[in-house]
């Protein structure tokens, strides 16, 4: 396969390089693209050095089979035609195309076959919080359809990029020296704080991040009647998002049945031994591929309800890994370039 990474110098772009190597992805030629500022940067991959090319409108994608794109929504929109013009499949990590009716929104463990319906040559990678949640919801939804989801997220600084992670480190250092902390990436100081605000507020007072979870979950799970309500919170964690999730199913699901289904589900690791204080935490899940699930309980207010605690690495399964797994799913199921 001839592969391209667009946005190669960003946090997710760099993760793409690591994930492609870890997954032993078949690559004949690799091309890295970036902004004018990052053009000329050299990265090493599988003992070979690659120079980042400036992303421009032209025929650079003519011989590329799959392009992993993580350069922001505006770049994705501007360059979509350039990338796909000659038959390249664009797997896009931005929110630009997620809710477009002619662009599939894919999590392979949940709706992998949707990836074959690409009239525009684009597949959208969902929001990080949505990805890890639906991976855990799917095996339960298969037992009894889920009617309602309430979720509170605890999202790491990594969700705002490499500069946000650096800012969190800098804030702790500044505060330890008695200095005023630098605040650029978030609405407020994140160190020693939590911020119940991710992305911009919409007319209904939910943020765009919260509305993404509502809309994307329905699309991925093909469940238009599924109700999803989210509160998204930024927490002073470097990497890996956590979610407290409450679900209501059509028929009761016992804790034992839920735990067994989740234990057998692809992409899920169950860590759920309360008596031994074993449950998923960002510190342990950082750098790991699977979504980790624990604190599986019967909802005390609803016999058809379950409570779950879900943790996933935002940069891996929440971004680069899911995109690579989409490509792997396609290839293993006979996909051919247009």
Protein backbone atom coordinates (compact mmCIF):
# COMPACT_ATOMS: atom_id res chain seq x y z
CA UNK A 1 0.00 0.00 0.00
CA UNK A 2 1.09 3.57 -0.69
CA UNK A 3 0.18 5.58 2.39
CA UNK A 4 0.15 9.29 3.21
CA UNK A 5 -0.18 11.11 6.52
CA UNK A 6 -1.49 14.66 6.31
CA UNK A 7 -0.63 16.65 9.43
CA UNK A 8 2.39 14.50 10.14
CA UNK A 9 3.98 16.89 12.64
CA UNK A 10 0.97 17.08 14.97
CA UNK A 11 0.32 14.90 18.02
CA UNK A 12 -2.02 12.60 16.09
CA UNK A 13 0.22 12.60 13.03
CA UNK A 14 3.11 11.40 15.13
CA UNK A 15 0.85 8.79 16.70
CA UNK A 16 -0.04 7.58 13.21
CA UNK A 17 3.63 6.77 12.62
CA UNK A 18 3.86 4.82 15.88
CA UNK A 19 0.58 2.96 15.33
CA UNK A 20 1.36 2.02 11.72
CA UNK A 21 4.63 0.54 12.93
CA UNK A 22 3.10 -1.23 15.93
CA UNK A 23 0.34 -2.71 13.76
CA UNK A 24 2.87 -3.87 11.15
CA UNK A 25 0.75 -2.10 8.54
CA UNK A 26 1.77 -3.02 4.98
CA UNK A 27 3.44 0.03 3.46
CA UNK A 28 5.31 0.15 0.16
CA UNK A 29 5.68 3.93 0.07
CA UNK A 30 5.02 6.50 2.77
CA UNK A 31 4.52 10.21 2.11
CA UNK A 32 4.26 12.82 4.85
CA UNK A 33 2.47 16.12 4.36
CA UNK A 34 2.25 19.20 6.55
CA UNK A 35 1.86 22.93 6.60
CA UNK A 36 4.36 25.33 5.07
CA UNK A 37 5.84 25.74 8.54
CA UNK A 38 6.44 22.02 9.09
CA UNK A 39 7.57 21.27 5.52
CA UNK A 40 11.15 20.06 5.49
CA UNK A 41 10.95 18.41 8.90
CA UNK A 42 12.50 14.95 8.90
CA UNK A 43 10.96 11.94 10.68
CA UNK A 44 12.26 8.42 10.94
CA UNK A 45 9.99 5.44 10.25
CA UNK A 46 11.14 1.84 10.07
CA UNK A 47 14.80 2.86 9.83
CA UNK A 48 14.18 5.24 6.95
CA UNK A 49 14.03 9.03 7.01
CA UNK A 50 11.09 10.90 5.48
CA UNK A 51 10.89 14.61 4.72
CA UNK A 52 7.57 16.36 5.27
CA UNK A 53 6.19 17.86 2.06
CA UNK A 54 4.09 20.99 2.02
CA UNK A 55 0.44 20.22 1.39
CA UNK A 56 -0.55 21.98 -1.83
CA UNK A 57 -3.19 21.58 -4.51
CA UNK A 58 -1.79 19.36 -7.24
CA UNK A 59 -1.30 15.71 -8.12
CA UNK A 60 0.77 14.58 -5.13
CA UNK A 61 -1.90 12.02 -4.16
CA UNK A 62 -2.15 10.39 -7.59
CA UNK A 63 -0.43 7.16 -6.57
CA UNK A 64 -1.48 7.10 -2.92
CA UNK A 65 -3.97 4.43 -1.84
CA UNK A 66 -4.94 5.69 1.61
CA UNK A 67 -4.39 9.09 3.22
CA UNK A 68 -4.73 9.48 6.97
CA UNK A 69 -5.66 13.11 7.51
CA UNK A 70 -5.34 14.96 10.82
CA UNK A 71 -4.71 18.61 10.06
CA UNK A 72 -7.92 20.28 11.24
CA UNK A 73 -11.37 20.64 9.74
CA UNK A 74 -10.63 23.62 7.53
CA UNK A 75 -7.69 21.84 5.90
CA UNK A 76 -9.74 18.70 5.40
CA UNK A 77 -12.50 20.66 3.66
CA UNK A 78 -10.09 22.63 1.49
CA UNK A 79 -8.04 19.64 0.35
CA UNK A 80 -10.65 16.84 0.22
CA UNK A 81 -11.01 17.04 -3.57
CA UNK A 82 -7.25 17.26 -4.07
CA UNK A 83 -6.71 14.17 -1.92
CA UNK A 84 -9.49 12.01 -3.40
CA UNK A 85 -9.40 13.18 -7.03
CA UNK A 86 -7.37 10.24 -8.34
CA UNK A 87 -8.98 7.52 -6.18
CA UNK A 88 -7.16 7.93 -2.89
CA UNK A 89 -9.26 6.95 0.12
CA UNK A 90 -9.26 9.76 2.69
CA UNK A 91 -9.68 8.70 6.32
CA UNK A 92 -10.31 12.00 8.04
CA UNK A 93 -9.77 12.66 11.73
CA UNK A 94 -11.52 16.05 11.86
CA UNK A 95 -15.20 16.79 12.48
CA UNK A 96 -15.63 18.26 8.98
CA UNK A 97 -17.51 15.36 7.37
CA UNK A 98 -18.78 13.27 10.28
CA UNK A 99 -22.44 14.10 9.93
CA UNK A 100 -22.53 14.21 6.13
CA UNK A 101 -25.02 11.62 4.84
CA UNK A 102 -22.66 10.45 2.08
CA UNK A 103 -19.64 10.00 4.39
CA UNK A 104 -19.55 6.95 6.67
CA UNK A 105 -18.60 7.48 10.32
CA UNK A 106 -16.82 4.31 11.38
CA UNK A 107 -15.65 2.42 14.44
CA UNK A 108 -14.64 -1.02 13.10
CA UNK A 109 -15.83 -2.98 16.15
CA UNK A 110 -19.27 -1.40 15.80
CA UNK A 111 -20.08 -0.65 12.13
CA UNK A 112 -17.07 -1.72 10.08
CA UNK A 113 -19.09 -2.56 6.96
CA UNK A 114 -20.16 1.09 6.64
CA UNK A 115 -16.58 1.80 5.53
CA UNK A 116 -17.30 0.21 2.13
CA UNK A 117 -19.90 2.85 1.25
CA UNK A 118 -17.72 5.82 0.27
CA UNK A 119 -19.25 7.73 -2.65
CA UNK A 120 -16.98 10.70 -1.96
CA UNK A 121 -13.89 8.64 -1.20
CA UNK A 122 -13.97 9.84 2.42
CA UNK A 123 -14.39 8.00 5.71
CA UNK A 124 -14.78 10.04 8.88
CA UNK A 125 -13.07 9.08 12.11
CA UNK A 126 -15.45 9.86 15.01
CA UNK A 127 -14.81 12.08 18.00
CA UNK A 128 -12.50 10.49 20.56
CA UNK A 129 -15.09 10.36 23.35
CA UNK A 130 -17.67 8.82 21.04
CA UNK A 131 -15.28 6.12 19.81
CA UNK A 132 -14.45 4.68 23.21
CA UNK A 133 -18.06 4.84 24.38
CA UNK A 134 -19.61 3.04 21.41
CA UNK A 135 -16.99 0.26 21.57
CA UNK A 136 -18.30 -0.50 25.06
CA UNK A 137 -21.97 0.07 24.22
CA UNK A 138 -22.11 -2.24 21.17
CA UNK A 139 -21.97 -5.62 22.98
CA UNK A 140 -24.67 -4.48 25.41
CA UNK A 141 -26.82 -3.03 22.62
CA UNK A 142 -26.65 -6.43 20.91
CA UNK A 143 -28.17 -8.09 24.00
CA UNK A 144 -30.96 -5.55 24.45
CA UNK A 145 -31.26 -2.31 22.46
CA UNK A 146 -30.11 0.75 24.40
CA UNK A 147 -32.79 3.39 24.74
CA UNK A 148 -30.94 6.11 26.64
CA UNK A 149 -27.38 7.11 27.53
CA UNK A 150 -26.20 9.67 30.05
CA UNK A 151 -22.47 10.31 30.06
CA UNK A 152 -20.06 12.56 31.93
CA UNK A 153 -16.59 12.70 30.43
CA UNK A 154 -13.27 13.41 32.10
CA UNK A 155 -11.10 14.44 29.18
CA UNK A 156 -7.32 14.74 29.24
CA UNK A 157 -5.26 17.65 27.98
CA UNK A 158 -4.21 15.49 25.01
CA UNK A 159 -7.63 16.11 23.48
CA UNK A 160 -6.55 19.69 22.80
CA UNK A 161 -3.24 18.70 21.19
CA UNK A 162 0.45 18.56 22.02
CA UNK A 163 0.63 22.26 22.91
CA UNK A 164 -2.14 21.80 25.48
CA UNK A 165 -0.25 18.95 27.11
CA UNK A 166 2.85 21.16 27.24
CA UNK A 167 0.80 23.99 28.75
CA UNK A 168 -0.47 21.75 31.55
CA UNK A 169 3.09 20.77 32.44
CA UNK A 170 4.14 24.40 32.30
CA UNK A 171 1.26 25.49 34.54
CA UNK A 172 2.26 23.06 37.29
CA UNK A 173 5.87 24.25 37.06
CA UNK A 174 4.84 27.91 37.14
CA UNK A 175 2.52 27.42 40.11
CA UNK A 176 5.24 25.55 42.02
CA UNK A 177 7.44 28.64 41.58
CA UNK A 178 4.68 30.96 42.74
CA UNK A 179 4.15 32.41 39.25
CA UNK A 180 0.94 33.15 37.39
CA UNK A 181 0.18 30.21 35.08
CA UNK A 182 0.11 30.62 31.32
CA UNK A 183 -3.45 30.14 29.99
CA UNK A 184 -3.75 29.87 26.21
CA UNK A 185 -5.28 26.52 25.27
CA UNK A 186 -8.18 26.43 27.71
CA UNK A 187 -10.74 28.89 29.03
CA UNK A 188 -9.12 28.74 32.48
CA UNK A 189 -6.14 27.32 34.30
CA UNK A 190 -6.33 23.53 34.03
CA UNK A 191 -3.73 22.62 36.65
CA UNK A 192 -5.41 21.82 39.99
CA UNK A 193 -8.75 22.43 38.30
CA UNK A 194 -11.51 20.89 36.16
CA UNK A 195 -13.29 22.84 33.43
CA UNK A 196 -16.86 21.81 32.46
CA UNK A 197 -16.44 23.27 29.00
CA UNK A 198 -14.98 21.64 25.88
CA UNK A 199 -15.45 23.33 22.48
CA UNK A 200 -17.91 26.19 21.96
CA UNK A 201 -21.39 26.47 23.43
CA UNK A 202 -24.36 25.98 21.12
CA UNK A 203 -27.83 27.54 21.26
CA UNK A 204 -29.13 24.86 23.64
CA UNK A 205 -26.26 25.51 26.12
CA UNK A 206 -24.64 22.18 25.33
CA UNK A 207 -21.15 22.42 23.86
CA UNK A 208 -20.26 21.17 20.39
CA UNK A 209 -18.30 18.35 22.05
CA UNK A 210 -21.42 17.24 23.90
CA UNK A 211 -23.57 17.45 20.79
CA UNK A 212 -20.98 15.42 18.85
CA UNK A 213 -21.48 12.56 21.30
CA UNK A 214 -25.25 12.82 20.83
CA UNK A 215 -25.27 12.84 17.04
CA UNK A 216 -22.30 10.62 16.30
CA UNK A 217 -23.43 7.82 18.61
CA UNK A 218 -26.78 7.60 16.80
CA UNK A 219 -25.13 7.52 13.38
CA UNK A 220 -22.50 4.92 14.23
CA UNK A 221 -24.93 2.60 15.99
CA UNK A 222 -27.70 3.06 13.41
CA UNK A 223 -30.02 3.98 16.27
CA UNK A 224 -31.90 7.16 15.45
CA UNK A 225 -34.16 6.76 18.49
CA UNK A 226 -31.27 6.41 20.92
CA UNK A 227 -31.19 9.35 23.33
CA UNK A 228 -27.76 10.61 24.41
CA UNK A 229 -27.06 13.40 26.88
CA UNK A 230 -23.47 14.37 27.69
CA UNK A 231 -21.52 16.67 29.96
CA UNK A 232 -17.91 17.00 28.82
CA UNK A 233 -15.28 18.07 31.33
CA UNK A 234 -11.57 18.82 30.88
CA UNK A 235 -9.43 17.41 33.70
CA UNK A 236 -5.72 17.86 34.53
CA UNK A 237 -4.67 14.49 33.12
CA UNK A 238 -2.06 14.29 30.39
CA UNK A 239 -3.50 11.54 28.24
CA UNK A 240 -6.46 9.09 28.14
CA UNK A 241 -10.10 10.09 28.53
CA UNK A 242 -12.48 8.64 31.12
CA UNK A 243 -16.26 8.44 31.02
CA UNK A 244 -18.95 7.70 33.59
CA UNK A 245 -21.80 6.20 31.57
CA UNK A 246 -25.36 5.30 32.54
CA UNK A 247 -27.43 3.30 30.05
CA UNK A 248 -31.05 2.21 29.92
CA UNK A 249 -31.87 -0.84 27.81
CA UNK A 250 -35.24 -2.14 26.60
CA UNK A 251 -34.94 -5.23 28.81
CA UNK A 252 -32.86 -5.70 31.98
CA UNK A 253 -29.28 -6.91 31.55
CA UNK A 254 -27.67 -8.45 34.61
CA UNK A 255 -24.24 -7.32 35.71
CA UNK A 256 -22.89 -10.83 35.13
CA UNK A 257 -24.26 -10.91 31.58
CA UNK A 258 -22.89 -7.46 30.83
CA UNK A 259 -19.48 -8.34 32.21
CA UNK A 260 -19.34 -11.54 30.15
CA UNK A 261 -20.39 -9.76 26.95
CA UNK A 262 -17.85 -7.00 27.44
CA UNK A 263 -15.10 -9.52 28.24
CA UNK A 264 -15.68 -11.20 24.88
CA UNK A 265 -16.09 -7.99 22.87
CA UNK A 266 -13.37 -6.98 20.38
CA UNK A 267 -11.33 -3.99 21.47
CA UNK A 268 -12.48 -4.15 25.10
CA UNK A 269 -10.61 -5.09 28.28
CA UNK A 270 -12.65 -5.52 31.46
CA UNK A 271 -10.94 -4.40 34.67
CA UNK A 272 -13.63 -4.78 37.28
CA UNK A 273 -12.67 -6.15 40.69
CA UNK A 274 -13.89 -3.59 43.25
CA UNK A 275 -12.84 -5.69 46.24
CA UNK A 276 -9.25 -5.53 45.00
CA UNK A 277 -9.52 -1.85 44.03
CA UNK A 278 -9.10 -2.78 40.38
CA UNK A 279 -10.72 -0.48 37.85
CA UNK A 280 -9.50 1.40 34.77
CA UNK A 281 -7.54 4.62 35.26
CA UNK A 282 -5.89 6.97 32.74
CA UNK A 283 -2.48 6.31 34.28
CA UNK A 284 -2.75 2.62 33.40
CA UNK A 285 -4.54 2.94 30.05
CA UNK A 286 -2.21 5.54 28.51
CA UNK A 287 -0.48 3.99 25.51
CA UNK A 288 -2.80 0.98 25.42
CA UNK A 289 -4.86 0.01 22.36
CA UNK A 290 -8.11 -1.36 23.85
CA UNK A 291 -10.92 0.47 25.59
CA UNK A 292 -10.97 -0.48 29.28
CA UNK A 293 -14.26 -0.93 31.15
CA UNK A 294 -14.94 -1.32 34.86
CA UNK A 295 -17.25 -0.33 37.73
CA UNK A 296 -20.06 -2.30 36.05
CA UNK A 297 -23.12 -1.90 38.30
CA UNK A 298 -26.86 -2.14 38.30
CA UNK A 299 -28.37 1.34 38.22
CA UNK A 300 -30.08 1.84 41.58
CA UNK A 301 -32.82 3.97 40.01
CA UNK A 302 -33.77 1.77 37.04
CA UNK A 303 -34.07 -2.01 36.72
CA UNK A 304 -33.17 -1.67 33.03
CA UNK A 305 -30.15 0.48 33.81
CA UNK A 306 -26.42 -0.18 34.06
CA UNK A 307 -23.55 2.06 35.14
CA UNK A 308 -20.11 1.78 33.56
CA UNK A 309 -16.70 3.44 33.82
CA UNK A 310 -14.85 3.60 30.48
CA UNK A 311 -11.25 4.70 29.86
CA UNK A 312 -9.42 4.92 26.54
CA UNK A 313 -6.26 6.50 25.20
CA UNK A 314 -7.50 9.56 23.32
CA UNK A 315 -4.60 9.71 20.87
CA UNK A 316 -4.58 5.97 20.15
CA UNK A 317 -8.06 4.43 20.01
CA UNK A 318 -9.60 7.90 20.12
CA UNK A 319 -7.76 9.01 16.99
CA UNK A 320 -4.86 7.34 15.15
CA UNK A 321 -5.49 3.72 16.05
CA UNK A 322 -9.16 3.78 15.08
CA UNK A 323 -8.27 5.30 11.70
CA UNK A 324 -5.64 2.65 11.06
CA UNK A 325 -8.06 -0.07 12.16
CA UNK A 326 -10.57 1.22 9.60
CA UNK A 327 -7.95 0.72 6.90
CA UNK A 328 -7.05 -2.72 8.28
CA UNK A 329 -10.72 -3.73 8.28
CA UNK A 330 -11.10 -2.69 4.66
CA UNK A 331 -7.96 -4.45 3.49
CA UNK A 332 -8.76 -7.68 5.35
CA UNK A 333 -12.23 -7.70 3.79
CA UNK A 334 -11.11 -7.29 0.19
CA UNK A 335 -11.15 -3.53 -0.31
CA UNK A 336 -9.70 -2.27 -3.58
CA UNK A 337 -8.81 1.30 -4.50
CA UNK A 338 -11.39 3.06 -6.68
